[in-house]
N, C-alpha and C. Protein backbone atom coordinates (compact mmCIF):
# COMPACT_ATOMS: atom_id res chain seq x y z
N MET A 1 -35.88 83.99 -0.40
CA MET A 1 -35.07 84.17 0.96
C MET A 1 -34.64 82.48 1.54
N ASP A 2 -35.11 82.12 0.96
CA ASP A 2 -35.33 80.84 1.94
C ASP A 2 -33.34 80.20 1.88
N GLU A 3 -33.06 80.29 0.85
CA GLU A 3 -31.59 79.96 0.87
C GLU A 3 -30.97 80.86 2.44
N PHE A 4 -31.74 81.42 3.30
CA PHE A 4 -30.62 82.77 3.83
C PHE A 4 -31.75 82.73 5.22
N ASP A 5 -32.55 81.76 5.92
CA ASP A 5 -33.10 81.30 7.06
C ASP A 5 -32.26 81.45 7.41
N ASP A 6 -31.79 80.52 8.08
CA ASP A 6 -30.66 80.93 9.14
C ASP A 6 -30.54 82.64 9.48
N LEU A 7 -30.47 83.13 8.87
CA LEU A 7 -29.50 84.47 8.80
C LEU A 7 -31.34 85.15 9.16
N CYS A 8 -32.19 84.73 8.93
CA CYS A 8 -33.37 85.68 8.91
C CYS A 8 -33.78 85.43 9.83
N CYS A 9 -34.40 87.38 10.82
CA CYS A 9 -34.79 87.00 12.18
C CYS A 9 -36.71 86.77 11.82
N SER A 10 -36.56 85.69 13.00
CA SER A 10 -37.87 84.98 13.24
C SER A 10 -39.13 85.78 13.51
N VAL A 11 -38.64 87.03 14.01
CA VAL A 11 -39.79 88.12 14.12
C VAL A 11 -40.76 89.02 12.72
N CYS A 12 -39.27 89.41 11.79
CA CYS A 12 -39.81 90.40 11.18
C CYS A 12 -39.72 89.70 9.78
N LEU A 13 -39.47 88.25 9.91
CA LEU A 13 -38.38 87.51 8.56
C LEU A 13 -37.85 88.43 7.29
N ASP A 14 -36.89 89.01 8.29
CA ASP A 14 -36.05 89.69 7.23
C ASP A 14 -34.56 89.35 7.22
N ILE A 15 -33.76 89.81 6.77
CA ILE A 15 -32.29 89.58 7.13
C ILE A 15 -31.95 90.21 8.07
N PHE A 16 -31.41 89.78 9.48
CA PHE A 16 -31.08 90.83 10.64
C PHE A 16 -30.42 91.84 9.91
N GLU A 17 -31.25 92.90 11.29
CA GLU A 17 -30.07 94.45 11.04
C GLU A 17 -30.12 94.21 12.53
N LYS A 18 -28.84 94.56 12.82
CA LYS A 18 -27.85 94.40 14.27
C LYS A 18 -28.41 93.36 15.03
N PRO A 19 -28.22 92.26 14.92
CA PRO A 19 -28.25 91.14 15.45
C PRO A 19 -28.01 91.21 16.66
N LEU A 20 -29.56 90.76 17.90
CA LEU A 20 -28.59 90.47 19.42
C LEU A 20 -29.02 89.01 19.32
N ARG A 21 -28.34 88.93 20.39
CA ARG A 21 -28.71 87.25 20.56
C ARG A 21 -29.05 87.54 22.29
N VAL A 22 -30.32 86.68 22.50
CA VAL A 22 -30.72 86.41 23.93
C VAL A 22 -30.55 84.77 24.75
N PRO A 23 -30.26 85.03 26.09
CA PRO A 23 -29.54 84.00 26.46
C PRO A 23 -30.02 82.36 26.11
N CYS A 24 -31.35 82.51 25.31
CA CYS A 24 -31.73 81.31 25.10
C CYS A 24 -31.03 80.95 23.72
N LYS A 25 -30.22 81.77 23.21
CA LYS A 25 -29.42 81.60 22.38
C LYS A 25 -30.08 81.78 20.68
N HIS A 26 -31.25 82.38 21.15
CA HIS A 26 -31.99 83.22 20.06
C HIS A 26 -31.56 84.43 19.89
N VAL A 27 -31.46 84.42 18.53
CA VAL A 27 -30.92 85.85 18.08
C VAL A 27 -32.47 86.62 16.69
N PHE A 28 -32.38 87.88 17.35
CA PHE A 28 -33.28 88.87 16.77
C PHE A 28 -33.28 90.44 16.23
N CYS A 29 -33.39 90.65 15.25
CA CYS A 29 -33.03 92.20 14.81
C CYS A 29 -33.15 92.75 16.11
N MET A 30 -32.43 94.36 16.76
CA MET A 30 -32.29 94.89 17.62
C MET A 30 -33.93 95.57 17.55
N ASP A 31 -34.23 96.44 16.66
CA ASP A 31 -35.71 96.83 16.82
C ASP A 31 -36.39 95.75 17.31
N CYS A 32 -36.78 94.92 16.69
CA CYS A 32 -37.84 93.44 17.07
C CYS A 32 -37.74 92.69 18.45
N ILE A 33 -36.62 92.41 19.16
CA ILE A 33 -36.10 92.05 20.43
C ILE A 33 -36.45 92.76 21.37
N SER A 34 -36.09 94.73 20.76
CA SER A 34 -36.34 95.32 21.98
C SER A 34 -37.70 95.59 22.61
N LEU A 35 -39.04 95.16 21.14
CA LEU A 35 -40.41 95.11 21.57
C LEU A 35 -40.55 94.52 22.90
N SER A 36 -40.02 93.34 23.41
CA SER A 36 -40.05 92.27 24.43
C SER A 36 -39.28 92.19 25.72
N MET A 37 -37.96 93.55 24.92
CA MET A 37 -37.05 94.02 26.59
C MET A 37 -37.89 95.06 27.26
N ALA A 38 -39.10 95.77 26.99
CA ALA A 38 -39.52 96.42 27.11
C ALA A 38 -40.23 96.29 28.31
N LEU A 39 -40.64 95.17 28.24
CA LEU A 39 -41.84 94.20 29.46
C LEU A 39 -41.36 94.53 30.24
N ALA A 40 -42.10 94.37 31.81
CA ALA A 40 -41.73 94.05 32.92
C ALA A 40 -41.06 92.51 33.02
N GLU A 41 -41.63 91.68 32.33
CA GLU A 41 -41.31 89.99 32.25
C GLU A 41 -40.68 89.93 30.95
N PRO A 42 -39.54 90.50 30.35
CA PRO A 42 -38.84 90.13 28.82
C PRO A 42 -38.77 88.52 28.51
N LYS A 43 -39.54 87.94 27.26
CA LYS A 43 -39.68 86.79 27.24
C LYS A 43 -39.29 86.15 25.95
N CYS A 44 -38.67 85.54 25.11
CA CYS A 44 -37.86 84.98 24.09
C CYS A 44 -39.34 85.02 23.23
N PRO A 45 -39.28 85.66 21.87
CA PRO A 45 -40.74 85.38 21.44
C PRO A 45 -41.04 84.38 20.59
N VAL A 46 -39.17 83.26 20.46
CA VAL A 46 -39.08 82.29 19.93
C VAL A 46 -40.13 81.06 21.38
N CYS A 47 -39.37 80.92 22.00
CA CYS A 47 -39.45 79.76 23.22
C CYS A 47 -40.09 79.76 24.32
N ARG A 48 -40.07 81.55 24.61
CA ARG A 48 -40.87 82.05 25.82
C ARG A 48 -40.20 82.09 26.67
N THR A 49 -39.20 82.01 26.61
CA THR A 49 -38.15 81.78 27.98
C THR A 49 -37.64 83.07 28.58
N VAL A 50 -37.88 83.32 29.85
CA VAL A 50 -38.15 84.91 30.38
C VAL A 50 -36.32 84.77 30.83
N PHE A 51 -36.08 86.25 29.89
CA PHE A 51 -34.23 86.59 30.48
C PHE A 51 -34.06 88.00 30.81
N ASN A 52 -33.09 88.03 31.02
CA ASN A 52 -32.74 89.43 31.88
C ASN A 52 -32.10 90.15 30.73
N PRO A 53 -32.68 91.64 30.12
CA PRO A 53 -32.23 92.29 29.20
C PRO A 53 -30.83 92.43 29.38
N ARG A 54 -30.13 92.78 30.26
CA ARG A 54 -28.87 92.70 30.59
C ARG A 54 -27.95 91.58 30.09
N SER A 55 -28.14 90.97 29.87
CA SER A 55 -27.95 89.48 29.44
C SER A 55 -28.08 88.98 27.75
N VAL A 56 -28.36 90.46 27.35
CA VAL A 56 -28.61 90.20 25.23
C VAL A 56 -27.09 91.12 25.07
N HIS A 57 -26.76 90.45 24.43
CA HIS A 57 -25.41 90.21 23.10
C HIS A 57 -25.45 90.83 22.05
N THR A 58 -24.16 91.58 21.52
CA THR A 58 -24.43 91.58 19.90
C THR A 58 -24.39 90.20 19.42
N ALA A 59 -24.81 89.75 18.42
CA ALA A 59 -24.48 88.49 17.76
C ALA A 59 -23.17 88.61 16.90
N THR A 60 -22.11 88.99 17.25
CA THR A 60 -20.91 89.44 16.20
C THR A 60 -21.03 88.03 15.13
N ASP A 61 -20.97 86.88 15.45
CA ASP A 61 -21.14 85.78 14.69
C ASP A 61 -22.02 85.88 13.22
N ILE A 62 -23.16 86.37 13.61
CA ILE A 62 -23.94 86.35 12.81
C ILE A 62 -23.86 87.82 11.67
N GLN A 63 -23.54 88.69 12.50
CA GLN A 63 -23.20 89.69 11.89
C GLN A 63 -22.02 89.63 10.69
N ALA A 64 -21.09 89.41 11.48
CA ALA A 64 -20.15 88.73 10.27
C ALA A 64 -20.46 87.44 9.35
N ARG A 65 -21.74 86.88 9.66
CA ARG A 65 -21.91 86.30 8.19
C ARG A 65 -22.52 87.09 7.12
N ILE A 66 -23.67 87.57 7.54
CA ILE A 66 -24.39 88.87 6.83
C ILE A 66 -23.12 89.59 6.22
N SER A 67 -22.17 90.07 6.58
CA SER A 67 -21.41 90.86 6.00
C SER A 67 -20.48 90.53 4.94
N ASN A 68 -20.48 88.73 5.33
CA ASN A 68 -19.48 87.94 4.12
C ASN A 68 -20.54 87.34 3.07
N THR A 69 -21.82 87.34 3.31
CA THR A 69 -22.44 86.10 2.43
C THR A 69 -23.24 87.04 1.28
N GLU A 70 -22.73 86.83 -0.24
CA GLU A 70 -23.49 87.37 -0.86
C GLU A 70 -24.98 86.82 -1.35
N GLY A 71 -25.96 88.04 -1.49
CA GLY A 71 -27.22 87.68 -2.00
C GLY A 71 -27.62 88.75 -3.30
N THR A 72 -28.35 88.18 -4.51
CA THR A 72 -28.67 88.87 -5.48
C THR A 72 -29.60 89.85 -5.84
N CYS A 73 -30.23 91.15 -6.18
CA CYS A 73 -31.19 92.02 -6.66
C CYS A 73 -32.24 91.54 -7.22
N GLN A 74 -32.82 91.34 -6.71
CA GLN A 74 -34.21 90.41 -7.66
C GLN A 74 -34.48 91.60 -8.83
N TRP A 75 -34.49 92.66 -9.14
CA TRP A 75 -34.40 93.64 -9.98
C TRP A 75 -33.25 93.85 -10.97
N CYS A 76 -32.16 93.66 -10.87
CA CYS A 76 -30.76 94.18 -11.32
C CYS A 76 -30.03 93.02 -11.36
N VAL A 77 -30.02 92.09 -10.54
CA VAL A 77 -29.38 90.67 -10.51
C VAL A 77 -28.14 91.11 -9.96
N LYS A 78 -27.97 91.89 -9.26
CA LYS A 78 -26.40 92.57 -9.13
C LYS A 78 -25.81 92.01 -7.87
N LYS A 79 -24.67 91.15 -7.79
CA LYS A 79 -24.67 90.76 -6.48
C LYS A 79 -24.05 91.29 -5.75
N MET A 80 -23.88 91.59 -4.17
CA MET A 80 -24.12 92.26 -3.20
C MET A 80 -24.02 91.46 -1.56
N SER A 81 -23.12 91.88 -0.43
CA SER A 81 -23.43 91.49 0.84
C SER A 81 -25.08 91.55 1.17
N LEU A 82 -25.15 90.63 1.72
CA LEU A 82 -26.68 91.10 2.33
C LEU A 82 -26.77 92.26 2.96
N SER A 83 -25.82 92.51 3.98
CA SER A 83 -25.92 93.81 4.49
C SER A 83 -26.29 95.21 3.99
N LYS A 84 -25.80 94.86 2.34
CA LYS A 84 -26.54 96.16 1.91
C LYS A 84 -27.54 95.90 1.03
N LEU A 85 -27.65 94.39 0.67
CA LEU A 85 -28.77 94.45 0.18
C LEU A 85 -30.41 94.59 -0.10
N LYS A 86 -30.56 94.48 1.46
CA LYS A 86 -32.23 95.01 1.55
C LYS A 86 -32.36 96.53 1.43
N GLN A 87 -31.21 97.40 1.61
CA GLN A 87 -31.56 98.79 1.14
C GLN A 87 -31.42 99.06 -0.23
N HIS A 88 -30.42 98.36 -0.90
CA HIS A 88 -29.97 98.42 -2.58
C HIS A 88 -31.90 98.09 -2.94
N SER A 89 -31.75 96.95 -2.74
CA SER A 89 -33.24 96.38 -3.29
C SER A 89 -34.17 97.50 -3.58
N MET A 90 -34.78 98.12 -2.01
CA MET A 90 -35.73 99.28 -2.08
C MET A 90 -35.22 100.25 -2.62
N GLN A 91 -34.14 100.76 -3.29
CA GLN A 91 -33.94 101.88 -3.64
C GLN A 91 -33.17 101.57 -5.21
N CYS A 92 -33.40 100.52 -5.65
CA CYS A 92 -32.68 99.63 -7.09
C CYS A 92 -33.49 100.12 -8.35
N SER A 93 -32.84 100.89 -9.34
CA SER A 93 -33.23 101.97 -10.36
C SER A 93 -33.86 101.53 -11.30
N LYS A 94 -33.62 99.43 -11.01
CA LYS A 94 -34.36 98.73 -12.27
C LYS A 94 -36.28 98.48 -11.35
N MET A 95 -35.81 99.01 -10.23
CA MET A 95 -37.30 97.90 -9.58
C MET A 95 -38.98 98.14 -9.79
N ASP A 96 -39.29 96.96 -10.38
CA ASP A 96 -40.40 97.50 -11.18
C ASP A 96 -41.95 98.41 -10.64
N LYS A 97 -41.48 98.95 -11.24
CA LYS A 97 -42.52 100.52 -10.67
C LYS A 97 -43.82 100.14 -10.77
N LYS A 98 -44.57 99.02 -11.88
CA LYS A 98 -45.30 98.76 -12.37
C LYS A 98 -46.21 98.05 -11.09
N MET A 99 -45.78 97.44 -10.53
CA MET A 99 -46.03 96.46 -9.06
C MET A 99 -47.39 97.27 -8.40
N PRO A 100 -48.63 96.26 -8.61
CA PRO A 100 -50.10 96.47 -8.11
C PRO A 100 -49.96 97.06 -6.40
N GLN A 101 -50.01 98.25 -5.98
CA GLN A 101 -50.08 99.31 -5.00
C GLN A 101 -51.60 99.14 -4.58
N PHE A 102 -51.74 98.93 -2.75
CA PHE A 102 -52.57 98.55 -2.40
C PHE A 102 -53.53 100.23 -2.60
N LYS A 103 -55.41 99.43 -2.08
CA LYS A 103 -56.01 100.41 -2.83
C LYS A 103 -57.15 99.75 -1.90
N PRO A 104 -57.98 100.50 -0.96
CA PRO A 104 -59.15 99.83 -0.10
C PRO A 104 -60.17 99.59 -1.27
N VAL A 105 -61.02 98.47 -0.84
CA VAL A 105 -62.17 97.91 -1.50
C VAL A 105 -63.11 99.06 -1.83
N ALA A 106 -63.22 99.45 -1.26
CA ALA A 106 -64.36 101.22 -1.15
C ALA A 106 -63.99 102.44 -0.72
N PRO A 107 -64.29 103.32 -2.05
CA PRO A 107 -63.37 104.44 -1.80
C PRO A 107 -64.65 105.31 -0.12
N THR A 108 -63.38 106.04 0.42
CA THR A 108 -64.44 107.09 1.75
C THR A 108 -63.72 108.18 1.51
N SER A 109 -64.63 108.94 2.15
CA SER A 109 -64.28 110.21 2.18
C SER A 109 -63.54 110.58 3.96
N GLN A 110 -63.68 109.66 4.93
CA GLN A 110 -63.43 109.70 6.00
C GLN A 110 -61.91 109.03 6.43
N PRO A 111 -60.70 110.47 6.99
CA PRO A 111 -59.64 109.81 6.30
C PRO A 111 -59.93 109.13 8.32
N CYS A 112 -58.51 108.38 8.36
CA CYS A 112 -58.65 107.28 9.20
C CYS A 112 -57.54 108.47 10.50
N PRO A 113 -58.57 108.35 11.94
CA PRO A 113 -57.54 109.62 12.43
C PRO A 113 -56.64 108.35 13.36
N SER A 114 -55.62 109.15 13.30
CA SER A 114 -53.81 108.60 14.19
C SER A 114 -53.80 109.09 15.17
N ASN A 115 -54.30 109.33 15.67
CA ASN A 115 -54.37 109.68 17.06
C ASN A 115 -55.67 109.54 18.34
N VAL A 116 -56.26 108.80 17.86
CA VAL A 116 -57.12 108.04 18.78
C VAL A 116 -56.71 106.76 19.65
N PRO A 117 -56.72 107.12 20.44
CA PRO A 117 -56.13 106.02 21.84
C PRO A 117 -57.20 104.56 21.47
N ASN A 118 -56.41 103.90 21.83
CA ASN A 118 -56.96 102.42 21.35
C ASN A 118 -57.51 102.07 23.04
N ARG A 119 -59.02 102.00 23.23
CA ARG A 119 -59.55 101.97 24.28
C ARG A 119 -60.45 100.63 24.31
N SER A 120 -60.29 99.70 23.41
CA SER A 120 -61.11 98.23 23.24
C SER A 120 -60.14 96.83 23.55
N THR A 121 -58.48 97.07 23.73
CA THR A 121 -58.11 96.07 24.03
C THR A 121 -56.74 96.43 24.62
N PHE A 122 -55.78 95.68 25.43
CA PHE A 122 -54.63 96.12 25.83
C PHE A 122 -53.66 95.08 25.70
N GLN A 123 -52.21 95.33 26.10
CA GLN A 123 -50.94 94.24 25.72
C GLN A 123 -50.65 94.73 27.39
N CYS A 124 -50.62 92.88 27.67
CA CYS A 124 -50.54 93.06 29.24
C CYS A 124 -48.77 93.32 29.05
N PRO A 125 -48.56 94.18 29.95
CA PRO A 125 -47.15 94.70 30.45
C PRO A 125 -46.14 93.52 30.96
N TYR A 126 -46.16 92.65 31.52
CA TYR A 126 -45.77 91.92 32.21
C TYR A 126 -45.08 91.14 30.71
N CYS A 127 -45.65 90.04 30.17
CA CYS A 127 -45.07 88.84 29.26
C CYS A 127 -45.39 89.68 27.67
N GLY A 128 -46.71 90.65 27.04
CA GLY A 128 -46.79 90.99 26.10
C GLY A 128 -47.91 90.42 25.64
N VAL A 129 -48.74 89.77 25.90
CA VAL A 129 -49.55 89.14 25.59
C VAL A 129 -50.92 90.51 24.67
N ARG A 130 -51.25 90.17 23.24
CA ARG A 130 -52.02 91.67 22.75
C ARG A 130 -53.30 91.27 22.71
N ASN A 131 -53.96 91.97 22.16
CA ASN A 131 -55.37 91.65 21.85
C ASN A 131 -56.18 91.36 23.07
N LEU A 132 -56.42 91.67 24.46
CA LEU A 132 -57.27 91.65 25.49
C LEU A 132 -58.06 92.22 25.82
N ASP A 133 -59.38 92.12 25.99
CA ASP A 133 -60.24 93.49 26.31
C ASP A 133 -60.03 93.20 27.71
N CYS A 134 -60.54 94.35 28.32
CA CYS A 134 -60.65 94.56 29.60
C CYS A 134 -60.61 93.61 30.57
N PRO A 135 -62.13 92.31 30.37
CA PRO A 135 -61.92 91.88 31.60
C PRO A 135 -60.93 90.91 31.19
N SER A 136 -60.94 90.44 30.01
CA SER A 136 -59.90 89.16 29.88
C SER A 136 -58.52 89.93 30.02
N PHE A 137 -58.03 90.90 30.07
CA PHE A 137 -56.56 91.58 30.78
C PHE A 137 -56.90 91.36 32.25
N VAL A 138 -57.70 92.26 32.24
CA VAL A 138 -57.64 92.00 34.02
C VAL A 138 -57.73 90.24 34.46
N GLN A 139 -58.30 89.56 33.83
CA GLN A 139 -58.48 88.08 34.16
C GLN A 139 -56.81 87.53 34.34
N HIS A 140 -56.33 87.85 33.22
CA HIS A 140 -54.82 87.49 32.50
C HIS A 140 -53.90 87.60 33.47
N CYS A 141 -54.11 88.91 33.72
CA CYS A 141 -52.87 89.34 34.84
C CYS A 141 -52.72 88.87 36.19
N LEU A 142 -54.57 88.80 36.77
CA LEU A 142 -54.83 88.05 38.03
C LEU A 142 -54.36 86.31 37.95
N THR A 143 -54.24 86.44 36.93
CA THR A 143 -54.14 84.22 36.74
C THR A 143 -52.78 83.94 36.77
N HIS A 144 -52.03 84.59 35.70
CA HIS A 144 -50.55 84.56 35.02
C HIS A 144 -49.22 84.86 36.14
N HIS A 145 -49.97 87.02 36.64
CA HIS A 145 -48.68 87.16 36.90
C HIS A 145 -49.10 88.25 38.31
N SER A 146 -50.09 87.15 39.26
CA SER A 146 -50.30 87.54 40.57
C SER A 146 -49.37 87.75 41.39
N THR A 147 -48.28 87.12 41.17
CA THR A 147 -47.19 87.05 42.39
C THR A 147 -46.02 87.93 41.74
N SER A 148 -46.20 88.52 40.79
CA SER A 148 -45.07 89.55 40.05
C SER A 148 -44.86 90.86 40.98
N ASN A 149 -43.88 91.28 41.36
CA ASN A 149 -43.39 92.21 41.90
C ASN A 149 -43.07 93.48 41.59
N ALA A 150 -43.25 93.09 39.66
CA ALA A 150 -42.14 94.76 38.91
C ALA A 150 -43.39 95.95 38.65
N LYS A 151 -43.21 96.48 38.93
CA LYS A 151 -43.97 97.91 38.29
C LYS A 151 -43.79 98.30 37.33
N VAL A 152 -45.08 98.48 36.35
CA VAL A 152 -45.28 98.36 34.91
C VAL A 152 -45.90 99.62 35.50
N VAL A 153 -46.76 99.95 33.82
CA VAL A 153 -47.73 100.88 33.64
C VAL A 153 -49.18 100.28 33.13
N CYS A 154 -50.10 100.99 33.54
CA CYS A 154 -50.92 100.29 33.02
C CYS A 154 -51.55 101.00 31.81
N PRO A 155 -51.69 100.15 30.77
CA PRO A 155 -52.06 100.14 29.78
C PRO A 155 -53.56 100.90 29.44
N ILE A 156 -54.36 101.00 30.89
CA ILE A 156 -55.75 100.97 30.63
C ILE A 156 -55.88 102.66 31.06
N CYS A 157 -55.08 102.66 32.24
CA CYS A 157 -55.00 104.34 32.39
C CYS A 157 -54.23 105.08 31.80
N THR A 158 -53.42 104.65 30.74
CA THR A 158 -52.97 105.21 29.99
C THR A 158 -53.46 105.47 28.33
N SER A 159 -54.70 104.94 27.87
CA SER A 159 -55.48 105.21 27.17
C SER A 159 -56.39 106.18 27.57
N MET A 160 -56.75 106.11 28.92
CA MET A 160 -57.83 107.57 29.16
C MET A 160 -56.86 108.91 28.90
N PRO A 161 -57.94 109.71 28.42
CA PRO A 161 -57.34 110.81 28.90
C PRO A 161 -56.45 111.69 29.50
N TRP A 162 -56.60 111.57 30.79
CA TRP A 162 -55.83 112.08 31.35
C TRP A 162 -54.55 111.01 32.21
N GLY A 163 -54.35 109.75 31.16
CA GLY A 163 -53.52 108.72 31.47
C GLY A 163 -52.03 109.49 31.62
N ASP A 164 -51.12 108.66 31.90
CA ASP A 164 -49.41 109.46 32.15
C ASP A 164 -49.07 107.88 31.83
N PRO A 165 -48.48 108.01 30.59
CA PRO A 165 -47.59 106.94 29.84
C PRO A 165 -46.64 106.56 30.95
N HIS A 166 -45.65 107.52 31.65
CA HIS A 166 -44.32 106.97 32.31
C HIS A 166 -45.15 106.59 34.39
N ARG A 167 -46.11 106.73 34.48
CA ARG A 167 -46.89 106.44 36.04
C ARG A 167 -46.62 104.49 36.21
N LEU A 168 -45.56 104.40 36.78
CA LEU A 168 -45.87 103.04 36.91
C LEU A 168 -46.65 102.89 38.37
N SER A 169 -47.20 101.67 38.43
CA SER A 169 -47.96 101.39 39.99
C SER A 169 -47.05 100.46 40.32
N ALA A 170 -46.81 100.91 42.10
CA ALA A 170 -46.34 100.14 42.60
C ALA A 170 -46.89 98.91 42.88
N ASN A 171 -48.16 98.54 43.40
CA ASN A 171 -49.15 97.00 43.39
C ASN A 171 -49.78 97.04 42.28
N PHE A 172 -49.42 96.86 40.78
CA PHE A 172 -50.56 96.85 39.69
C PHE A 172 -51.21 95.54 39.92
N ILE A 173 -51.50 94.85 40.49
CA ILE A 173 -52.40 93.89 40.41
C ILE A 173 -53.09 94.22 41.30
N ARG A 174 -53.52 94.84 42.37
CA ARG A 174 -54.34 95.44 43.33
C ARG A 174 -55.13 96.39 42.49
N HIS A 175 -53.90 97.42 42.46
CA HIS A 175 -54.38 98.29 41.12
C HIS A 175 -56.03 97.80 39.93
N LEU A 176 -55.49 96.63 39.44
CA LEU A 176 -56.33 96.48 38.78
C LEU A 176 -57.72 96.01 39.56
N SER A 177 -57.82 95.17 40.44
CA SER A 177 -58.88 95.28 41.54
C SER A 177 -59.53 95.85 41.84
N LEU A 178 -58.41 97.02 42.05
CA LEU A 178 -59.70 98.27 42.77
C LEU A 178 -59.63 99.07 41.67
N ARG A 179 -59.41 98.88 40.29
CA ARG A 179 -59.76 99.96 39.37
C ARG A 179 -60.72 99.32 38.44
N HIS A 180 -60.14 98.79 38.04
CA HIS A 180 -60.67 97.58 36.29
C HIS A 180 -61.64 96.25 36.30
N ARG A 181 -62.28 97.01 37.72
CA ARG A 181 -63.21 95.52 37.69
C ARG A 181 -64.44 95.75 36.47
N PHE A 182 -64.68 96.75 36.22
CA PHE A 182 -65.64 97.24 35.23
C PHE A 182 -64.91 97.86 33.72
N GLU A 183 -65.45 98.07 32.47
CA GLU A 183 -65.01 98.75 31.49
C GLU A 183 -65.28 100.19 31.39
N TYR A 184 -64.49 100.81 31.16
CA TYR A 184 -64.91 102.26 31.44
C TYR A 184 -65.40 102.37 30.16
N ASP A 185 -65.79 102.22 29.20
CA ASP A 185 -66.09 102.85 28.27
C ASP A 185 -67.48 102.51 28.18
N THR A 186 -67.91 101.41 29.28
CA THR A 186 -69.60 101.15 29.37
C THR A 186 -69.72 102.08 29.86
N PHE A 187 -69.51 102.86 30.89
CA PHE A 187 -69.79 103.94 32.10
C PHE A 187 -69.65 105.27 31.92
N VAL A 188 -68.53 105.29 31.10
CA VAL A 188 -67.80 106.74 31.20
C VAL A 188 -68.33 107.89 30.12
N ASP A 189 -68.78 108.80 30.61
CA ASP A 189 -68.17 109.76 29.35
C ASP A 189 -66.88 110.88 29.57
N PHE A 190 -66.41 110.17 28.04
CA PHE A 190 -64.81 110.65 27.95
C PHE A 190 -64.15 112.25 28.57
N SER A 191 -65.55 112.91 27.96
CA SER A 191 -65.00 114.58 28.29
C SER A 191 -64.79 115.42 29.44
N LYS A 192 -64.97 114.24 31.25
CA LYS A 192 -65.32 114.98 31.86
C LYS A 192 -64.04 114.59 32.46
N HIS A 193 -63.83 114.93 33.94
CA HIS A 193 -63.06 114.96 34.71
C HIS A 193 -62.85 113.44 35.04
N GLU A 194 -61.34 112.74 35.52
CA GLU A 194 -60.94 111.93 35.78
C GLU A 194 -61.74 111.42 36.98
N GLN A 195 -61.62 112.27 38.04
CA GLN A 195 -62.14 111.97 39.60
C GLN A 195 -63.83 111.79 39.76
N GLU A 196 -64.45 112.36 38.16
CA GLU A 196 -65.85 112.63 38.32
C GLU A 196 -66.69 111.68 37.46
N MET A 197 -64.87 111.06 36.53
CA MET A 197 -65.66 109.45 35.80
C MET A 197 -65.78 108.65 36.61
N ILE A 198 -64.75 108.42 37.24
CA ILE A 198 -64.29 107.26 38.00
C ILE A 198 -65.48 106.95 39.00
N GLU A 199 -65.90 108.13 39.48
CA GLU A 199 -67.29 108.07 40.79
C GLU A 199 -68.32 107.28 39.94
N GLU A 200 -69.10 107.87 38.58
CA GLU A 200 -69.57 108.05 37.82
C GLU A 200 -69.75 106.25 37.30
N ALA A 201 -68.69 106.24 37.27
CA ALA A 201 -68.83 104.38 36.43
C ALA A 201 -68.69 103.24 37.46
N ILE A 202 -68.31 103.64 39.23
CA ILE A 202 -68.17 102.55 39.94
C ILE A 202 -69.97 102.79 40.34
N LYS A 203 -70.04 104.05 40.64
CA LYS A 203 -71.95 103.91 40.75
C LYS A 203 -72.55 103.19 39.70
N ALA A 204 -72.20 103.26 38.83
CA ALA A 204 -73.16 102.84 37.09
C ALA A 204 -73.18 101.12 37.32
N SER A 205 -71.66 100.93 37.84
CA SER A 205 -71.30 99.52 37.91
C SER A 205 -72.12 98.89 39.13
N LEU A 206 -72.14 99.67 39.94
CA LEU A 206 -72.54 98.44 41.10
C LEU A 206 -74.12 98.58 40.96
N GLN A 207 -74.47 99.48 40.35
CA GLN A 207 -75.86 99.93 40.17
C GLN A 207 -76.66 98.53 39.05
N ASP A 208 -75.77 98.20 38.29
CA ASP A 208 -75.54 97.10 37.41
C ASP A 208 -75.75 96.11 37.63
N GLN A 209 -75.42 95.67 39.06
CA GLN A 209 -74.99 94.30 39.26
C GLN A 209 -76.33 93.63 39.83
């Protein structure tokens, strides 16, 4: 794929699908850049320049090149436009079915639950920084976004049993300072009601100081 590097998305590292160009001129697949566009302060994944989602446009020149540039299927060696090559390669009748498949290093009888919320790490709703534990998340927001007026959803609250993924905090920084100066999983029984849990957590955190 090296010969087509300029036609590859820097996020997924594959040929662009529905390429979009952000104001700083970098281009991404629609699905790849949509992750950044959903943030309160969208930033280019490459140069970290803040951009307005309304200023993002279809990269028609890139789309045209993808449609007019030919690539070769690694299985049947058939030539076709890059816009068709990815889908073809996944379904090619000559694809090597004997390629090794992923297997766990040890057998397990316990399925991995898919509906358990992650209460250990969080993503910044402003800039998209990931894998922040609760204290680091709070400190990050206070340090880098204390002057932001954007209304965002609190990822910590959303991970709780009562969490509403659509509830926007009018003053998120104040919300963090009042609600999340302690870690819920240290003091909380998640089977209890929200207000009861909060009161117990605050009481326990004060006693722990």
